[in-house]
PDB file of N, CA and C in Angstrom:
ATOM      1  N   MET A   1       9.320  22.570 -12.937  1.00  0.00           N
ATOM      2  CA  MET A   1       8.621  21.642 -12.056  1.00  0.00           C
ATOM      3  C   MET A   1       7.409  21.088 -12.811  1.00  0.00           C
ATOM      4  N   SER A   2       7.036  19.876 -12.517  1.00  0.00           N
ATOM      5  CA  SER A   2       5.892  19.255 -13.187  1.00  0.00           C
ATOM      6  C   SER A   2       4.733  19.078 -12.202  1.00  0.00           C
ATOM      7  N   ASP A   3       3.586  18.699 -12.765  1.00  0.00           N
ATOM      8  CA  ASP A   3       2.416  18.433 -11.935  1.00  0.00           C
ATOM      9  C   ASP A   3       2.712  17.288 -10.969  1.00  0.00           C
ATOM     10  N   VAL A   4       2.130  17.351  -9.777  1.00  0.00           N
ATOM     11  CA  VAL A   4       2.351  16.321  -8.758  1.00  0.00           C
ATOM     12  C   VAL A   4       1.028  15.603  -8.486  1.00  0.00           C
ATOM     13  N   TYR A   5       1.055  14.279  -8.607  1.00  0.00           N
ATOM     14  CA  TYR A   5      -0.113  13.439  -8.346  1.00  0.00           C
ATOM     15  C   TYR A   5       0.123  12.671  -7.052  1.00  0.00           C
ATOM     16  N   LYS A   6      -0.863  12.675  -6.174  1.00  0.00           N
ATOM     17  CA  LYS A   6      -0.753  11.924  -4.928  1.00  0.00           C
ATOM     18  C   LYS A   6      -2.044  11.141  -4.723  1.00  0.00           C
ATOM     19  N   SER A   7      -1.930   9.816  -4.679  1.00  0.00           N
ATOM     20  CA  SER A   7      -3.094   8.953  -4.460  1.00  0.00           C
ATOM     21  C   SER A   7      -3.112   8.460  -3.028  1.00  0.00           C
ATOM     22  N   THR A   8      -4.302   8.406  -2.452  1.00  0.00           N
ATOM     23  CA  THR A   8      -4.456   7.880  -1.099  1.00  0.00           C
ATOM     24  C   THR A   8      -5.587   6.857  -1.087  1.00  0.00           C
ATOM     25  N   TYR A   9      -5.470   5.905  -0.170  1.00  0.00           N
ATOM     26  CA  TYR A   9      -6.483   4.878   0.019  1.00  0.00           C
ATOM     27  C   TYR A   9      -6.828   4.837   1.496  1.00  0.00           C
ATOM     28  N   GLU A  10      -8.103   4.655   1.789  1.00  0.00           N
ATOM     29  CA  GLU A  10      -8.505   4.484   3.179  1.00  0.00           C
ATOM     30  C   GLU A  10      -9.762   3.631   3.224  1.00  0.00           C
ATOM     31  N   ILE A  11      -9.954   3.004   4.365  1.00  0.00           N
ATOM     32  CA  ILE A  11     -11.188   2.265   4.589  1.00  0.00           C
ATOM     33  C   ILE A  11     -11.933   2.961   5.719  1.00  0.00           C
ATOM     34  N   LYS A  12     -13.208   3.217   5.480  1.00  0.00           N
ATOM     35  CA  LYS A  12     -14.059   3.823   6.504  1.00  0.00           C
ATOM     36  C   LYS A  12     -15.073   2.772   6.927  1.00  0.00           C
ATOM     37  N   MET A  13     -15.106   2.499   8.229  1.00  0.00           N
ATOM     38  CA  MET A  13     -16.041   1.513   8.781  1.00  0.00           C
ATOM     39  C   MET A  13     -16.949   2.188   9.792  1.00  0.00           C
ATOM     40  N   LYS A  14     -18.221   1.872   9.698  1.00  0.00           N
ATOM     41  CA  LYS A  14     -19.197   2.400  10.654  1.00  0.00           C
ATOM     42  C   LYS A  14     -19.665   1.243  11.526  1.00  0.00           C
ATOM     43  N   PHE A  15     -19.439   1.366  12.824  1.00  0.00           N
ATOM     44  CA  PHE A  15     -19.816   0.350  13.798  1.00  0.00           C
ATOM     45  C   PHE A  15     -21.134   0.740  14.453  1.00  0.00           C
ATOM     46  N   GLY A  16     -21.975  -0.243  14.724  1.00  0.00           N
ATOM     47  CA  GLY A  16     -23.241  -0.010  15.395  1.00  0.00           C
ATOM     48  C   GLY A  16     -23.236  -0.600  16.791  1.00  0.00           C
ATOM     49  N   PHE A  17     -24.169  -0.134  17.604  1.00  0.00           N
ATOM     50  CA  PHE A  17     -24.298  -0.605  18.974  1.00  0.00           C
ATOM     51  C   PHE A  17     -25.758  -0.928  19.263  1.00  0.00           C
ATOM     52  N   ALA A  18     -25.985  -1.744  20.259  1.00  0.00           N
ATOM     53  CA  ALA A  18     -27.321  -2.232  20.584  1.00  0.00           C
ATOM     54  C   ALA A  18     -28.304  -1.106  20.906  1.00  0.00           C
ATOM     55  N   ASP A  19     -27.809   0.027  21.377  1.00  0.00           N
ATOM     56  CA  ASP A  19     -28.694   1.143  21.713  1.00  0.00           C
ATOM     57  C   ASP A  19     -28.947   2.079  20.530  1.00  0.00           C
ATOM     58  N   GLY A  20     -28.464   1.689  19.329  1.00  0.00           N
ATOM     59  CA  GLY A  20     -28.682   2.499  18.134  1.00  0.00           C
ATOM     60  C   GLY A  20     -27.585   3.509  17.851  1.00  0.00           C
ATOM     61  N   ASP A  21     -26.633   3.635  18.757  1.00  0.00           N
ATOM     62  CA  ASP A  21     -25.517   4.558  18.572  1.00  0.00           C
ATOM     63  C   ASP A  21     -24.581   4.022  17.489  1.00  0.00           C
ATOM     64  N   THR A  22     -23.793   4.888  16.892  1.00  0.00           N
ATOM     65  CA  THR A  22     -22.814   4.478  15.878  1.00  0.00           C
ATOM     66  C   THR A  22     -21.495   5.200  16.100  1.00  0.00           C
ATOM     67  N   ARG A  23     -20.434   4.615  15.588  1.00  0.00           N
ATOM     68  CA  ARG A  23     -19.103   5.219  15.589  1.00  0.00           C
ATOM     69  C   ARG A  23     -18.434   4.866  14.277  1.00  0.00           C
ATOM     70  N   SER A  24     -17.672   5.817  13.727  1.00  0.00           N
ATOM     71  CA  SER A  24     -16.945   5.591  12.483  1.00  0.00           C
ATOM     72  C   SER A  24     -15.447   5.578  12.754  1.00  0.00           C
ATOM     73  N   ILE A  25     -14.751   4.688  12.036  1.00  0.00           N
ATOM     74  CA  ILE A  25     -13.298   4.577  12.128  1.00  0.00           C
ATOM     75  C   ILE A  25     -12.751   4.591  10.714  1.00  0.00           C
ATOM     76  N   SER A  26     -11.699   5.383  10.483  1.00  0.00           N
ATOM     77  CA  SER A  26     -11.017   5.415   9.195  1.00  0.00           C
ATOM     78  C   SER A  26      -9.583   4.942   9.381  1.00  0.00           C
ATOM     79  N   LEU A  27      -9.147   4.076   8.481  1.00  0.00           N
ATOM     80  CA  LEU A  27      -7.776   3.569   8.510  1.00  0.00           C
ATOM     81  C   LEU A  27      -7.143   3.795   7.146  1.00  0.00           C
ATOM     82  N   ASP A  28      -5.929   4.325   7.136  1.00  0.00           N
ATOM     83  CA  ASP A  28      -5.208   4.551   5.894  1.00  0.00           C
ATOM     84  C   ASP A  28      -4.579   3.263   5.368  1.00  0.00           C
ATOM     85  N   ASN A  29      -4.476   3.187   4.059  1.00  0.00           N
ATOM     86  CA  ASN A  29      -3.768   2.120   3.352  1.00  0.00           C
ATOM     87  C   ASN A  29      -4.199   0.697   3.721  1.00  0.00           C
ATOM     88  N   PRO A  30      -5.466   0.357   3.479  1.00  0.00           N
ATOM     89  CA  PRO A  30      -5.885  -1.030   3.733  1.00  0.00           C
ATOM     90  C   PRO A  30      -5.241  -1.963   2.713  1.00  0.00           C
ATOM     91  N   LYS A  31      -5.287  -3.254   2.974  1.00  0.00           N
ATOM     92  CA  LYS A  31      -4.767  -4.246   2.032  1.00  0.00           C
ATOM     93  C   LYS A  31      -5.426  -4.061   0.669  1.00  0.00           C
ATOM     94  N   ASN A  32      -4.656  -4.266  -0.394  1.00  0.00           N
ATOM     95  CA  ASN A  32      -5.194  -4.119  -1.756  1.00  0.00           C
ATOM     96  C   ASN A  32      -6.227  -5.181  -2.086  1.00  0.00           C
ATOM     97  N   ASN A  33      -6.076  -6.365  -1.533  1.00  0.00           N
ATOM     98  CA  ASN A  33      -6.956  -7.481  -1.891  1.00  0.00           C
ATOM     99  C   ASN A  33      -7.966  -7.805  -0.787  1.00  0.00           C
ATOM    100  N   LEU A  34      -8.383  -6.798  -0.054  1.00  0.00           N
ATOM    101  CA  LEU A  34      -9.338  -6.982   1.031  1.00  0.00           C
ATOM    102  C   LEU A  34     -10.675  -7.465   0.468  1.00  0.00           C
ATOM    103  N   GLN A  35     -11.214  -8.520   1.051  1.00  0.00           N
ATOM    104  CA  GLN A  35     -12.454  -9.134   0.580  1.00  0.00           C
ATOM    105  C   GLN A  35     -13.611  -8.813   1.524  1.00  0.00           C
ATOM    106  N   ALA A  36     -14.814  -8.819   0.969  1.00  0.00           N
ATOM    107  CA  ALA A  36     -16.016  -8.576   1.779  1.00  0.00           C
ATOM    108  C   ALA A  36     -16.140  -9.614   2.887  1.00  0.00           C
ATOM    109  N   SER A  37     -15.734 -10.853   2.606  1.00  0.00           N
ATOM    110  CA  SER A  37     -15.811 -11.911   3.620  1.00  0.00           C
ATOM    111  C   SER A  37     -14.907 -11.607   4.819  1.00  0.00           C
ATOM    112  N   GLN A  38     -13.784 -10.932   4.581  1.00  0.00           N
ATOM    113  CA  GLN A  38     -12.890 -10.571   5.682  1.00  0.00           C
ATOM    114  C   GLN A  38     -13.512  -9.473   6.555  1.00  0.00           C
ATOM    115  N   ILE A  39     -14.211  -8.536   5.925  1.00  0.00           N
ATOM    116  CA  ILE A  39     -14.916  -7.500   6.684  1.00  0.00           C
ATOM    117  C   ILE A  39     -16.022  -8.138   7.512  1.00  0.00           C
ATOM    118  N   HIS A  40     -16.718  -9.096   6.920  1.00  0.00           N
ATOM    119  CA  HIS A  40     -17.792  -9.804   7.639  1.00  0.00           C
ATOM    120  C   HIS A  40     -17.221 -10.567   8.840  1.00  0.00           C
ATOM    121  N   GLU A  41     -16.073 -11.226   8.651  1.00  0.00           N
ATOM    122  CA  GLU A  41     -15.411 -11.930   9.767  1.00  0.00           C
ATOM    123  C   GLU A  41     -15.041 -10.959  10.878  1.00  0.00           C
ATOM    124  N   LEU A  42     -14.481  -9.811  10.505  1.00  0.00           N
ATOM    125  CA  LEU A  42     -14.112  -8.808  11.500  1.00  0.00           C
ATOM    126  C   LEU A  42     -15.346  -8.319  12.250  1.00  0.00           C
ATOM    127  N   SER A  43     -16.424  -8.078  11.520  1.00  0.00           N
ATOM    128  CA  SER A  43     -17.671  -7.634  12.144  1.00  0.00           C
ATOM    129  C   SER A  43     -18.157  -8.652  13.176  1.00  0.00           C
ATOM    130  N   ASN A  44     -18.158  -9.922  12.793  1.00  0.00           N
ATOM    131  CA  ASN A  44     -18.580 -10.972  13.721  1.00  0.00           C
ATOM    132  C   ASN A  44     -17.657 -11.058  14.933  1.00  0.00           C
ATOM    133  N   PHE A  45     -16.357 -10.921  14.709  1.00  0.00           N
ATOM    134  CA  PHE A  45     -15.388 -10.986  15.798  1.00  0.00           C
ATOM    135  C   PHE A  45     -15.621  -9.851  16.798  1.00  0.00           C
ATOM    136  N   VAL A  46     -15.808  -8.635  16.273  1.00  0.00           N
ATOM    137  CA  VAL A  46     -16.054  -7.473  17.141  1.00  0.00           C
ATOM    138  C   VAL A  46     -17.349  -7.668  17.929  1.00  0.00           C
ATOM    139  N   LYS A  47     -18.389  -8.146  17.245  1.00  0.00           N
ATOM    140  CA  LYS A  47     -19.688  -8.341  17.891  1.00  0.00           C
ATOM    141  C   LYS A  47     -19.636  -9.464  18.925  1.00  0.00           C
ATOM    142  N   ASN A  48     -19.104 -10.624  18.550  1.00  0.00           N
ATOM    143  CA  ASN A  48     -19.094 -11.789  19.435  1.00  0.00           C
ATOM    144  C   ASN A  48     -18.208 -11.603  20.658  1.00  0.00           C
ATOM    145  N   ASN A  49     -17.149 -10.820  20.522  1.00  0.00           N
ATOM    146  CA  ASN A  49     -16.228 -10.603  21.636  1.00  0.00           C
ATOM    147  C   ASN A  49     -16.450  -9.255  22.315  1.00  0.00           C
ATOM    148  N   ASN A  50     -17.471  -8.527  21.847  1.00  0.00           N
ATOM    149  CA  ASN A  50     -17.824  -7.220  22.409  1.00  0.00           C
ATOM    150  C   ASN A  50     -16.588  -6.340  22.604  1.00  0.00           C
ATOM    151  N   LEU A  51     -15.793  -6.214  21.519  1.00  0.00           N
ATOM    152  CA  LEU A  51     -14.551  -5.445  21.592  1.00  0.00           C
ATOM    153  C   LEU A  51     -14.775  -3.949  21.746  1.00  0.00           C
ATOM    154  N   LEU A  52     -15.889  -3.468  21.231  1.00  0.00           N
ATOM    155  CA  LEU A  52     -16.229  -2.054  21.357  1.00  0.00           C
ATOM    156  C   LEU A  52     -17.530  -1.940  22.138  1.00  0.00           C
ATOM    157  N   ILE A  53     -17.603  -0.948  23.012  1.00  0.00           N
ATOM    158  CA  ILE A  53     -18.858  -0.708  23.729  1.00  0.00           C
ATOM    159  C   ILE A  53     -19.297   0.736  23.474  1.00  0.00           C
ATOM    160  N   GLY A  54     -20.584   0.959  23.514  1.00  0.00           N
ATOM    161  CA  GLY A  54     -21.118   2.298  23.295  1.00  0.00           C
ATOM    162  C   GLY A  54     -20.662   3.254  24.379  1.00  0.00           C
ATOM    163  N   ASP A  55     -20.436   4.507  24.001  1.00  0.00           N
ATOM    164  CA  ASP A  55     -19.935   5.476  24.979  1.00  0.00           C
ATOM    165  C   ASP A  55     -21.044   6.132  25.794  1.00  0.00           C
ATOM    166  N   LYS A  56     -22.277   6.040  25.342  1.00  0.00           N
ATOM    167  CA  LYS A  56     -23.365   6.697  26.070  1.00  0.00           C
ATOM    168  C   LYS A  56     -23.872   5.844  27.233  1.00  0.00           C
ATOM    169  N   PHE A  57     -24.201   4.585  26.935  1.00  0.00           N
ATOM    170  CA  PHE A  57     -24.782   3.712  27.954  1.00  0.00           C
ATOM    171  C   PHE A  57     -24.030   2.396  28.105  1.00  0.00           C
ATOM    172  N   GLY A  58     -22.839   2.285  27.501  1.00  0.00           N
ATOM    173  CA  GLY A  58     -22.072   1.048  27.580  1.00  0.00           C
ATOM    174  C   GLY A  58     -22.715  -0.097  26.816  1.00  0.00           C
ATOM    175  N   ALA A  59     -23.432   0.223  25.744  1.00  0.00           N
ATOM    176  CA  ALA A  59     -24.164  -0.791  24.968  1.00  0.00           C
ATOM    177  C   ALA A  59     -23.220  -1.750  24.254  1.00  0.00           C
ATOM    178  N   ASP A  60     -23.700  -2.977  24.062  1.00  0.00           N
ATOM    179  CA  ASP A  60     -22.934  -3.992  23.342  1.00  0.00           C
ATOM    180  C   ASP A  60     -22.777  -3.613  21.883  1.00  0.00           C
ATOM    181  N   SER A  61     -21.707  -4.116  21.290  1.00  0.00           N
ATOM    182  CA  SER A  61     -21.429  -3.876  19.878  1.00  0.00           C
ATOM    183  C   SER A  61     -22.368  -4.691  18.997  1.00  0.00           C
ATOM    184  N   ALA A  62     -22.806  -4.088  17.899  1.00  0.00           N
ATOM    185  CA  ALA A  62     -23.627  -4.789  16.908  1.00  0.00           C
ATOM    186  C   ALA A  62     -22.801  -5.114  15.665  1.00  0.00           C
ATOM    187  N   GLY A  63     -21.502  -4.841  15.692  1.00  0.00           N
ATOM    188  CA  GLY A  63     -20.618  -5.136  14.564  1.00  0.00           C
ATOM    189  C   GLY A  63     -20.514  -3.974  13.589  1.00  0.00           C
ATOM    190  N   ILE A  64     -19.990  -4.277  12.407  1.00  0.00           N
ATOM    191  CA  ILE A  64     -19.788  -3.266  11.370  1.00  0.00           C
ATOM    192  C   ILE A  64     -21.071  -3.124  10.556  1.00  0.00           C
ATOM    193  N   LEU A  65     -21.577  -1.913  10.465  1.00  0.00           N
ATOM    194  CA  LEU A  65     -22.768  -1.656   9.670  1.00  0.00           C
ATOM    195  C   LEU A  65     -22.425  -1.562   8.189  1.00  0.00           C
ATOM    196  N   TYR A  66     -21.330  -0.886   7.878  1.00  0.00           N
ATOM    197  CA  TYR A  66     -20.844  -0.854   6.502  1.00  0.00           C
ATOM    198  C   TYR A  66     -19.381  -0.450   6.484  1.00  0.00           C
ATOM    199  N   ALA A  67     -18.728  -0.769   5.381  1.00  0.00           N
ATOM    200  CA  ALA A  67     -17.326  -0.414   5.178  1.00  0.00           C
ATOM    201  C   ALA A  67     -17.145   0.009   3.730  1.00  0.00           C
ATOM    202  N   ASP A  68     -16.442   1.110   3.535  1.00  0.00           N
ATOM    203  CA  ASP A  68     -16.154   1.623   2.201  1.00  0.00           C
ATOM    204  C   ASP A  68     -14.655   1.819   2.056  1.00  0.00           C
ATOM    205  N   ILE A  69     -14.114   1.378   0.918  1.00  0.00           N
ATOM    206  CA  ILE A  69     -12.719   1.673   0.589  1.00  0.00           C
ATOM    207  C   ILE A  69     -12.751   2.858  -0.368  1.00  0.00           C
ATOM    208  N   ILE A  70     -12.025   3.896  -0.004  1.00  0.00           N
ATOM    209  CA  ILE A  70     -12.051   5.141  -0.757  1.00  0.00           C
ATOM    210  C   ILE A  70     -10.665   5.417  -1.329  1.00  0.00           C
ATOM    211  N   GLU A  71     -10.631   5.634  -2.624  1.00  0.00           N
ATOM    212  CA  GLU A  71      -9.392   6.009  -3.303  1.00  0.00           C
ATOM    213  C   GLU A  71      -9.562   7.441  -3.789  1.00  0.00           C
ATOM    214  N   SER A  72      -8.577   8.269  -3.526  1.00  0.00           N
ATOM    215  CA  SER A  72      -8.643   9.645  -4.008  1.00  0.00           C
ATOM    216  C   SER A  72      -7.277  10.050  -4.558  1.00  0.00           C
ATOM    217  N   THR A  73      -7.301  10.926  -5.524  1.00  0.00           N
ATOM    218  CA  THR A  73      -6.073  11.439  -6.137  1.00  0.00           C
ATOM    219  C   THR A  73      -6.106  12.951  -6.083  1.00  0.00           C
ATOM    220  N   LYS A  74      -5.038  13.512  -5.576  1.00  0.00           N
ATOM    221  CA  LYS A  74      -4.901  14.961  -5.498  1.00  0.00           C
ATOM    222  C   LYS A  74      -3.839  15.377  -6.505  1.00  0.00           C
ATOM    223  N   ILE A  75      -4.165  16.350  -7.334  1.00  0.00           N
ATOM    224  CA  ILE A  75      -3.229  16.818  -8.350  1.00  0.00           C
ATOM    225  C   ILE A  75      -2.856  18.264  -8.046  1.00  0.00           C
ATOM    226  N   THR A  76      -1.553  18.508  -7.909  1.00  0.00           N
ATOM    227  CA  THR A  76      -1.051  19.868  -7.747  1.00  0.00           C
ATOM    228  C   THR A  76      -0.482  20.288  -9.089  1.00  0.00           C
ATOM    229  N   LEU A  77      -1.104  21.273  -9.699  1.00  0.00           N
ATOM    230  CA  LEU A  77      -0.722  21.712 -11.036  1.00  0.00           C
ATOM    231  C   LEU A  77       0.440  22.703 -10.988  1.00  0.00           C
ATOM    232  N   ASP A  78       1.361  22.541 -11.892  1.00  0.00           N
ATOM    233  CA  ASP A  78       2.466  23.470 -12.048  1.00  0.00           C
ATOM    234  C   ASP A  78       2.036  24.527 -13.067  1.00  0.00           C
ATOM    235  N   ILE A  79       1.605  25.649 -12.572  1.00  0.00           N
ATOM    236  CA  ILE A  79       1.093  26.692 -13.477  1.00  0.00           C
ATOM    237  C   ILE A  79       2.065  27.851 -13.529  1.00  0.00           C
TER     238      ILE A  79
END
């Protein structure tokens, strides 16, 4: 048996709310060519349409505070 390599990709987005609360969402396998402008558009869409509301006081969405694309590789060694 040989070593096994497994790569994963995910995007982690942190959403803010008018009352200062935050929520994080992680999605597996985002598009390879995802642009910052597309994240900005999504943030504006979420904020302008109030798609998410705060769970504590029902606060309005403030959009995406930040988004990170994370690539990781796990190696299982055949020893």
